[in-house]
C-alpha atoms as a PDB file:
ATOM      1  CA  MET A   1      77.281 -17.633  51.779  1.00  0.00           C
ATOM      2  CA  ILE A   2      75.954 -17.745  48.176  1.00  0.00           C
ATOM      3  CA  ARG A   3      77.919 -21.045  47.502  1.00  0.00           C
ATOM      4  CA  LEU A   4      76.440 -22.561  50.750  1.00  0.00           C
ATOM      5  CA  VAL A   5      72.914 -21.634  49.833  1.00  0.00           C
ATOM      6  CA  ASN A   6      73.396 -22.884  46.262  1.00  0.00           C
ATOM      7  CA  THR A   7      74.725 -26.170  47.596  1.00  0.00           C
ATOM      8  CA  LEU A   8      71.867 -26.384  50.118  1.00  0.00           C
ATOM      9  CA  SER A   9      69.279 -25.705  47.332  1.00  0.00           C
ATOM     10  CA  LEU A  10      70.746 -28.494  45.100  1.00  0.00           C
ATOM     11  CA  LEU A  11      70.812 -30.971  47.914  1.00  0.00           C
ATOM     12  CA  GLY A  12      67.279 -30.102  48.868  1.00  0.00           C
ATOM     13  CA  PHE A  13      66.134 -30.610  45.314  1.00  0.00           C
ATOM     14  CA  LEU A  14      67.990 -33.946  44.919  1.00  0.00           C
ATOM     15  CA  ALA A  15      66.629 -35.178  48.290  1.00  0.00           C
ATOM     16  CA  ALA A  16      63.088 -34.172  47.349  1.00  0.00           C
ATOM     17  CA  SER A  17      63.445 -35.998  44.013  1.00  0.00           C
ATOM     18  CA  GLY A  18      64.797 -39.082  45.840  1.00  0.00           C
ATOM     19  CA  CYS A  19      61.863 -39.081  48.189  1.00  0.00           C
ATOM     20  CA  ALA A  20      59.346 -39.027  45.349  1.00  0.00           C
ATOM     21  CA  LEU A  21      61.135 -41.836  43.433  1.00  0.00           C
ATOM     22  CA  THR A  22      61.401 -43.853  46.595  1.00  0.00           C
ATOM     23  CA  ALA A  23      57.678 -43.523  47.210  1.00  0.00           C
ATOM     24  CA  LEU A  24      56.996 -44.453  43.597  1.00  0.00           C
ATOM     25  CA  GLY A  25      59.361 -47.408  43.889  1.00  0.00           C
ATOM     26  CA  ALA A  26      57.579 -48.627  47.027  1.00  0.00           C
ATOM     27  CA  GLY A  27      54.351 -48.963  45.082  1.00  0.00           C
ATOM     28  CA  LEU A  28      55.864 -50.444  41.910  1.00  0.00           C
ATOM     29  CA  GLY A  29      57.987 -52.882  44.017  1.00  0.00           C
ATOM     30  CA  PHE A  30      54.866 -54.362  45.554  1.00  0.00           C
ATOM     31  CA  ARG A  31      52.969 -54.280  42.197  1.00  0.00           C
ATOM     32  CA  PHE A  32      55.753 -56.368  40.623  1.00  0.00           C
ATOM     33  CA  GLY A  33      56.274 -58.679  43.538  1.00  0.00           C
ATOM     34  CA  TRP A  34      59.710 -57.425  44.658  1.00  0.00           C
ATOM     35  CA  TRP A  35      58.516 -57.037  48.263  1.00  0.00           C
ATOM     36  CA  ASN A  36      55.392 -57.568  50.328  1.00  0.00           C
ATOM     37  CA  TYR A  37      52.550 -55.306  51.288  1.00  0.00           C
ATOM     38  CA  SER A  38      54.048 -54.413  54.780  1.00  0.00           C
ATOM     39  CA  ALA A  39      57.377 -53.308  53.256  1.00  0.00           C
ATOM     40  CA  GLY A  40      55.685 -51.126  50.671  1.00  0.00           C
ATOM     41  CA  ILE A  41      53.421 -49.391  53.062  1.00  0.00           C
ATOM     42  CA  GLY A  42      56.206 -49.070  55.673  1.00  0.00           C
ATOM     43  CA  THR A  43      58.395 -47.292  53.051  1.00  0.00           C
ATOM     44  CA  ILE A  44      55.654 -44.820  52.325  1.00  0.00           C
ATOM     45  CA  ALA A  45      55.327 -44.029  56.003  1.00  0.00           C
ATOM     46  CA  PHE A  46      59.165 -43.515  56.262  1.00  0.00           C
ATOM     47  CA  VAL A  47      59.246 -41.305  53.224  1.00  0.00           C
ATOM     48  CA  PHE A  48      56.598 -39.026  54.753  1.00  0.00           C
ATOM     49  CA  TRP A  49      59.072 -37.974  57.572  1.00  0.00           C
ATOM     50  CA  VAL A  50      62.025 -37.524  55.248  1.00  0.00           C
ATOM     51  CA  ALA A  51      59.921 -35.646  52.707  1.00  0.00           C
ATOM     52  CA  ALA A  52      58.607 -33.328  55.464  1.00  0.00           C
ATOM     53  CA  GLY A  53      62.158 -32.619  56.664  1.00  0.00           C
ATOM     54  CA  VAL A  54      63.344 -31.922  53.114  1.00  0.00           C
ATOM     55  CA  ALA A  55      60.429 -29.540  52.596  1.00  0.00           C
ATOM     56  CA  VAL A  56      61.559 -27.505  55.626  1.00  0.00           C
ATOM     57  CA  ILE A  57      65.073 -27.369  54.310  1.00  0.00           C
ATOM     58  CA  CYS A  58      63.834 -26.203  50.902  1.00  0.00           C
ATOM     59  CA  ALA A  59      61.729 -23.551  52.538  1.00  0.00           C
ATOM     60  CA  PHE A  60      64.681 -22.370  54.587  1.00  0.00           C
ATOM     61  CA  SER A  61      66.776 -22.124  51.531  1.00  0.00           C
ATOM     62  CA  ILE A  62      64.069 -20.053  49.753  1.00  0.00           C
ATOM     63  CA  ALA A  63      64.266 -17.656  52.660  1.00  0.00           C
ATOM     64  CA  LEU A  64      68.003 -17.309  52.383  1.00  0.00           C
ATOM     65  CA  VAL A  65      67.808 -16.649  48.685  1.00  0.00           C
ATOM     66  CA  ALA A  66      65.139 -14.098  49.361  1.00  0.00           C
ATOM     67  CA  MET A  67      67.453 -12.234  51.739  1.00  0.00           C
ATOM     68  CA  GLY A  68      70.071 -12.089  48.979  1.00  0.00           C
ATOM     69  CA  GLY A  69      72.025 -15.170  49.929  1.00  0.00           C
ATOM     70  CA  GLY A  70      71.700 -17.108  46.755  1.00  0.00           C
ATOM     71  CA  THR A  71      71.149 -17.093  42.947  1.00  0.00           C
ATOM     72  CA  ARG A  72      68.050 -17.203  40.886  1.00  0.00           C
ATOM     73  CA  THR A  73      68.939 -20.859  40.016  1.00  0.00           C
ATOM     74  CA  ALA A  74      69.141 -21.708  43.736  1.00  0.00           C
ATOM     75  CA  PHE A  75      65.711 -20.154  44.253  1.00  0.00           C
ATOM     76  CA  VAL A  76      64.207 -22.211  41.310  1.00  0.00           C
ATOM     77  CA  MET A  77      65.728 -25.479  42.659  1.00  0.00           C
ATOM     78  CA  SER A  78      64.644 -24.719  46.210  1.00  0.00           C
ATOM     79  CA  LEU A  79      61.066 -23.858  45.134  1.00  0.00           C
ATOM     80  CA  THR A  80      60.892 -27.024  42.844  1.00  0.00           C
ATOM     81  CA  GLY A  81      62.231 -29.147  45.629  1.00  0.00           C
ATOM     82  CA  LEU A  82      59.713 -27.728  48.140  1.00  0.00           C
ATOM     83  CA  ALA A  83      56.854 -28.506  45.710  1.00  0.00           C
ATOM     84  CA  ILE A  84      58.103 -32.080  45.263  1.00  0.00           C
ATOM     85  CA  ALA A  85      58.806 -32.780  48.853  1.00  0.00           C
ATOM     86  CA  ALA A  86      55.401 -31.255  49.992  1.00  0.00           C
ATOM     87  CA  ALA A  87      53.466 -33.310  47.323  1.00  0.00           C
ATOM     88  CA  THR A  88      55.360 -36.499  48.332  1.00  0.00           C
ATOM     89  CA  ALA A  89      54.632 -35.935  52.075  1.00  0.00           C
ATOM     90  CA  TRP A  90      51.044 -34.994  51.393  1.00  0.00           C
ATOM     91  CA  VAL A  91      50.104 -38.444  49.954  1.00  0.00           C
ATOM     92  CA  PRO A  92      50.869 -40.537  53.110  1.00  0.00           C
ATOM     93  CA  TYR A  93      49.609 -37.650  55.316  1.00  0.00           C
ATOM     94  CA  ASP A  94      46.262 -37.696  53.533  1.00  0.00           C
ATOM     95  CA  LEU A  95      46.079 -41.460  53.793  1.00  0.00           C
ATOM     96  CA  ARG A  96      46.690 -41.332  57.520  1.00  0.00           C
ATOM     97  CA  MET A  97      44.056 -38.666  58.114  1.00  0.00           C
ATOM     98  CA  THR A  98      41.685 -40.755  55.990  1.00  0.00           C
ATOM     99  CA  ALA A  99      42.612 -43.922  58.075  1.00  0.00           C
ATOM    100  CA  ASN A 100      42.054 -42.083  61.318  1.00  0.00           C
ATOM    101  CA  ALA A 101      38.551 -40.903  60.223  1.00  0.00           C
ATOM    102  CA  LEU A 102      37.340 -44.231  58.992  1.00  0.00           C
ATOM    103  CA  PRO A 103      36.977 -47.670  60.651  1.00  0.00           C
ATOM    104  CA  ARG A 104      39.661 -50.350  60.220  1.00  0.00           C
ATOM    105  CA  ILE A 105      37.681 -52.524  57.795  1.00  0.00           C
ATOM    106  CA  HIS A 106      38.009 -53.722  54.269  1.00  0.00           C
ATOM    107  CA  ASP A 107      34.847 -55.788  53.521  1.00  0.00           C
ATOM    108  CA  ILE A 108      31.760 -53.673  52.542  1.00  0.00           C
ATOM    109  CA  SER A 109      28.324 -55.067  51.564  1.00  0.00           C
ATOM    110  CA  THR A 110      24.979 -53.676  50.868  1.00  0.00           C
ATOM    111  CA  ASP A 111      23.412 -56.668  52.639  1.00  0.00           C
ATOM    112  CA  LEU A 112      24.872 -57.157  56.142  1.00  0.00           C
ATOM    113  CA  THR A 113      22.806 -60.111  57.132  1.00  0.00           C
ATOM    114  CA  ASP A 114      23.241 -62.107  53.906  1.00  0.00           C
ATOM    115  CA  PRO A 115      26.198 -60.681  52.148  1.00  0.00           C
ATOM    116  CA  PRO A 116      26.731 -61.693  48.426  1.00  0.00           C
ATOM    117  CA  GLN A 117      29.193 -64.579  48.296  1.00  0.00           C
ATOM    118  CA  PHE A 118      32.341 -64.821  46.075  1.00  0.00           C
ATOM    119  CA  ASP A 119      32.783 -67.985  44.066  1.00  0.00           C
ATOM    120  CA  ARG A 120      35.397 -67.740  41.241  1.00  0.00           C
ATOM    121  CA  VAL A 121      37.342 -64.983  43.058  1.00  0.00           C
ATOM    122  CA  ALA A 122      38.160 -67.463  45.916  1.00  0.00           C
ATOM    123  CA  ALA A 123      40.573 -69.333  43.597  1.00  0.00           C
ATOM    124  CA  LEU A 124      42.379 -66.076  42.720  1.00  0.00           C
ATOM    125  CA  ARG A 125      43.276 -65.301  46.353  1.00  0.00           C
ATOM    126  CA  THR A 126      46.460 -66.653  47.793  1.00  0.00           C
ATOM    127  CA  PRO A 127      46.708 -68.118  51.412  1.00  0.00           C
ATOM    128  CA  ASP A 128      48.389 -65.007  52.717  1.00  0.00           C
ATOM    129  CA  GLU A 129      45.711 -62.662  51.438  1.00  0.00           C
ATOM    130  CA  ASN A 130      42.405 -61.896  53.093  1.00  0.00           C
ATOM    131  CA  PRO A 131      39.895 -64.852  52.794  1.00  0.00           C
ATOM    132  CA  VAL A 132      36.679 -64.333  50.800  1.00  0.00           C
ATOM    133  CA  ALA A 133      34.496 -65.170  53.838  1.00  0.00           C
ATOM    134  CA  TYR A 134      32.504 -62.242  55.171  1.00  0.00           C
ATOM    135  CA  ASP A 135      34.280 -60.521  58.136  1.00  0.00           C
ATOM    136  CA  GLY A 136      31.336 -60.777  60.483  1.00  0.00           C
ATOM    137  CA  PRO A 137      29.096 -58.869  62.934  1.00  0.00           C
ATOM    138  CA  GLU A 138      31.784 -56.458  64.177  1.00  0.00           C
ATOM    139  CA  THR A 139      32.568 -55.307  60.656  1.00  0.00           C
ATOM    140  CA  ALA A 140      28.874 -54.941  59.962  1.00  0.00           C
ATOM    141  CA  ALA A 141      28.455 -52.725  63.014  1.00  0.00           C
ATOM    142  CA  LEU A 142      31.405 -50.597  62.073  1.00  0.00           C
ATOM    143  CA  GLN A 143      30.028 -50.272  58.478  1.00  0.00           C
ATOM    144  CA  ARG A 144      26.565 -49.241  59.664  1.00  0.00           C
ATOM    145  CA  ASN A 145      28.086 -46.379  61.654  1.00  0.00           C
ATOM    146  CA  ALA A 146      30.621 -45.244  59.001  1.00  0.00           C
ATOM    147  CA  TYR A 147      28.600 -45.824  55.800  1.00  0.00           C
ATOM    148  CA  PRO A 148      24.952 -45.743  56.617  1.00  0.00           C
ATOM    149  CA  ASP A 149      24.113 -44.890  52.922  1.00  0.00           C
ATOM    150  CA  ILE A 150      25.414 -48.223  51.602  1.00  0.00           C
ATOM    151  CA  ALA A 151      22.179 -50.171  50.899  1.00  0.00           C
ATOM    152  CA  PRO A 152      20.686 -52.397  48.216  1.00  0.00           C
ATOM    153  CA  LEU A 153      19.205 -51.018  44.997  1.00  0.00           C
ATOM    154  CA  VAL A 154      15.748 -52.048  44.050  1.00  0.00           C
ATOM    155  CA  LEU A 155      15.165 -51.110  40.339  1.00  0.00           C
ATOM    156  CA  SER A 156      12.074 -51.294  38.123  1.00  0.00           C
ATOM    157  CA  ALA A 157      14.071 -52.697  35.154  1.00  0.00           C
ATOM    158  CA  PRO A 158      13.796 -56.390  34.388  1.00  0.00           C
ATOM    159  CA  ARG A 159      16.581 -58.658  35.623  1.00  0.00           C
ATOM    160  CA  GLU A 160      18.122 -59.366  32.175  1.00  0.00           C
ATOM    161  CA  ALA A 161      18.482 -55.532  31.574  1.00  0.00           C
ATOM    162  CA  VAL A 162      19.967 -55.036  34.990  1.00  0.00           C
ATOM    163  CA  MET A 163      22.558 -57.833  34.441  1.00  0.00           C
ATOM    164  CA  ALA A 164      23.662 -56.276  31.178  1.00  0.00           C
ATOM    165  CA  ALA A 165      23.878 -52.718  32.593  1.00  0.00           C
ATOM    166  CA  ALA A 166      25.729 -54.069  35.651  1.00  0.00           C
ATOM    167  CA  GLN A 167      28.428 -55.705  33.472  1.00  0.00           C
ATOM    168  CA  ALA A 168      28.706 -52.434  31.476  1.00  0.00           C
ATOM    169  CA  ALA A 169      29.015 -50.325  34.650  1.00  0.00           C
ATOM    170  CA  LEU A 170      31.822 -52.533  36.068  1.00  0.00           C
ATOM    171  CA  THR A 171      33.757 -52.470  32.804  1.00  0.00           C
ATOM    172  CA  SER A 172      33.362 -48.665  32.575  1.00  0.00           C
ATOM    173  CA  MET A 173      34.886 -48.383  36.023  1.00  0.00           C
ATOM    174  CA  GLY A 174      37.952 -50.202  34.774  1.00  0.00           C
ATOM    175  CA  LEU A 175      37.278 -53.458  36.626  1.00  0.00           C
ATOM    176  CA  ALA A 176      38.179 -56.830  35.072  1.00  0.00           C
ATOM    177  CA  LEU A 177      35.168 -59.224  34.891  1.00  0.00           C
ATOM    178  CA  VAL A 178      36.062 -62.534  36.528  1.00  0.00           C
ATOM    179  CA  ALA A 179      32.775 -64.395  36.161  1.00  0.00           C
ATOM    180  CA  VAL A 180      29.187 -63.725  34.894  1.00  0.00           C
ATOM    181  CA  ASP A 181      26.491 -66.236  35.916  1.00  0.00           C
ATOM    182  CA  ALA A 182      23.225 -65.066  34.461  1.00  0.00           C
ATOM    183  CA  ALA A 183      21.276 -68.056  35.970  1.00  0.00           C
ATOM    184  CA  GLN A 184      22.312 -67.184  39.506  1.00  0.00           C
ATOM    185  CA  GLY A 185      22.408 -63.515  38.878  1.00  0.00           C
ATOM    186  CA  ARG A 186      25.983 -63.058  40.026  1.00  0.00           C
ATOM    187  CA  ILE A 187      28.859 -61.095  38.571  1.00  0.00           C
ATOM    188  CA  GLU A 188      32.338 -61.086  39.990  1.00  0.00           C
ATOM    189  CA  ALA A 189      35.006 -58.511  39.044  1.00  0.00           C
ATOM    190  CA  THR A 190      38.358 -57.207  40.244  1.00  0.00           C
ATOM    191  CA  ALA A 191      39.609 -53.654  40.586  1.00  0.00           C
ATOM    192  CA  THR A 192      43.437 -52.901  40.542  1.00  0.00           C
ATOM    193  CA  SER A 193      44.856 -49.735  41.861  1.00  0.00           C
ATOM    194  CA  LEU A 194      47.123 -47.642  39.659  1.00  0.00           C
ATOM    195  CA  LEU A 195      50.434 -47.447  41.676  1.00  0.00           C
ATOM    196  CA  PHE A 196      50.583 -50.374  44.139  1.00  0.00           C
ATOM    197  CA  GLY A 197      48.355 -52.606  42.112  1.00  0.00           C
ATOM    198  CA  PHE A 198      46.217 -53.420  45.037  1.00  0.00           C
ATOM    199  CA  LYS A 199      43.315 -55.692  44.185  1.00  0.00           C
ATOM    200  CA  ASP A 200      39.842 -55.398  45.451  1.00  0.00           C
ATOM    201  CA  ASP A 201      37.115 -57.914  44.414  1.00  0.00           C
ATOM    202  CA  MET A 202      33.472 -57.100  43.874  1.00  0.00           C
ATOM    203  CA  VAL A 203      30.522 -59.375  43.562  1.00  0.00           C
ATOM    204  CA  VAL A 204      27.088 -58.232  42.306  1.00  0.00           C
ATOM    205  CA  ARG A 205      24.009 -60.250  43.254  1.00  0.00           C
ATOM    206  CA  ILE A 206      20.931 -59.617  41.138  1.00  0.00           C
ATOM    207  CA  THR A 207      17.604 -61.087  42.296  1.00  0.00           C
ATOM    208  CA  ASP A 208      13.983 -60.721  41.542  1.00  0.00           C
ATOM    209  CA  ASP A 209      12.167 -58.441  44.006  1.00  0.00           C
ATOM    210  CA  ALA A 210       8.455 -57.561  44.334  1.00  0.00           C
ATOM    211  CA  GLY A 211       7.731 -55.238  41.531  1.00  0.00           C
ATOM    212  CA  GLY A 212      11.349 -55.024  40.328  1.00  0.00           C
ATOM    213  CA  THR A 213      14.947 -56.198  40.569  1.00  0.00           C
ATOM    214  CA  LYS A 214      17.107 -56.094  43.661  1.00  0.00           C
ATOM    215  CA  VAL A 215      20.903 -55.436  43.334  1.00  0.00           C
ATOM    216  CA  ASP A 216      23.249 -56.186  46.106  1.00  0.00           C
ATOM    217  CA  VAL A 217      27.008 -55.488  45.993  1.00  0.00           C
ATOM    218  CA  ARG A 218      29.956 -56.432  48.087  1.00  0.00           C
ATOM    219  CA  SER A 219      33.536 -55.217  47.712  1.00  0.00           C
ATOM    220  CA  LYS A 220      36.522 -56.688  49.664  1.00  0.00           C
ATOM    221  CA  SER A 221      40.249 -55.962  49.606  1.00  0.00           C
ATOM    222  CA  ARG A 222      42.757 -58.750  49.072  1.00  0.00           C
ATOM    223  CA  VAL A 223      45.450 -57.278  51.361  1.00  0.00           C
ATOM    224  CA  GLY A 224      45.512 -54.883  54.264  1.00  0.00           C
ATOM    225  CA  ARG A 225      43.173 -54.395  57.252  1.00  0.00           C
ATOM    226  CA  HIS A 226      42.096 -50.854  56.235  1.00  0.00           C
ATOM    227  CA  ASP A 227      40.669 -50.000  52.839  1.00  0.00           C
ATOM    228  CA  PHE A 228      40.750 -46.249  53.379  1.00  0.00           C
ATOM    229  CA  GLY A 229      37.081 -46.062  52.335  1.00  0.00           C
ATOM    230  CA  MET A 230      37.734 -47.293  48.761  1.00  0.00           C
ATOM    231  CA  ASN A 231      35.308 -50.246  48.843  1.00  0.00           C
ATOM    232  CA  ALA A 232      32.419 -48.017  49.891  1.00  0.00           C
ATOM    233  CA  LYS A 233      33.447 -45.454  47.318  1.00  0.00           C
ATOM    234  CA  ARG A 234      33.549 -48.105  44.706  1.00  0.00           C
ATOM    235  CA  ILE A 235      30.100 -49.462  45.629  1.00  0.00           C
ATOM    236  CA  ARG A 236      28.599 -45.948  45.468  1.00  0.00           C
ATOM    237  CA  GLU A 237      30.159 -45.289  42.004  1.00  0.00           C
ATOM    238  CA  PHE A 238      28.869 -48.699  40.761  1.00  0.00           C
ATOM    239  CA  GLN A 239      25.346 -47.933  41.911  1.00  0.00           C
ATOM    240  CA  SER A 240      25.440 -44.432  40.429  1.00  0.00           C
ATOM    241  CA  ARG A 241      26.574 -45.761  37.013  1.00  0.00           C
ATOM    242  CA  LEU A 242      24.088 -48.616  37.060  1.00  0.00           C
ATOM    243  CA  GLN A 243      21.131 -46.246  37.805  1.00  0.00           C
ATOM    244  CA  ALA A 244      22.410 -43.782  35.158  1.00  0.00           C
ATOM    245  CA  ALA A 245      22.634 -46.540  32.535  1.00  0.00           C
ATOM    246  CA  LEU A 246      19.178 -47.901  33.184  1.00  0.00           C
ATOM    247  CA  ASN A 247      17.622 -44.407  33.179  1.00  0.00           C
ATOM    248  CA  SER A 248      19.174 -43.240  29.960  1.00  0.00           C
END
């Protein structure tokens, strides 16, 4: 009995580690161009079910050890395996819950009637990626319902100061500046996610407004149909950092 529990604990630990490494590899594989977006995301979804099953096995092994059926080493391996498997399963589960709670869109703009347009970013997108053109009225309607707070900023600072602060805000968020056109009041930048290396492009449009400066922002994902709320989150963070910089 003790030998069986020890073996089960070891297998659970190894399987949990394998799940974590597979999930990590799925992201890195897409990032380095070893496979496409669908393969990477599909692997993450598959890993969830395996990791959830491994977590159950590790929990069962812990129960057997607690009843005197295994060694302390088996208990530690089972507990570690349970933690690894649970954490690995949690990531795709959390993404799925987020996807179910938010609309299936990936193009967010503060101006839904005249969205800021990408220029230099267009040349960076490949034919199999999402086009830079705005996704249209259906996306606008879904955005209004899901993110009613996403709106333009009207600031009292002069346009030149806003341009400088906007560039600093984007850089502080870790985005790479693609183009800065002071004459047209447009800044383009790209955000890259840590694991998969997903790229979302942002364009900031800065114009004169009665008594101040108006700032519109648009953020659009290069791949995928669902952004899991990341583009709206990025716009909110940018606006917050921009206001803080101008008020400091």
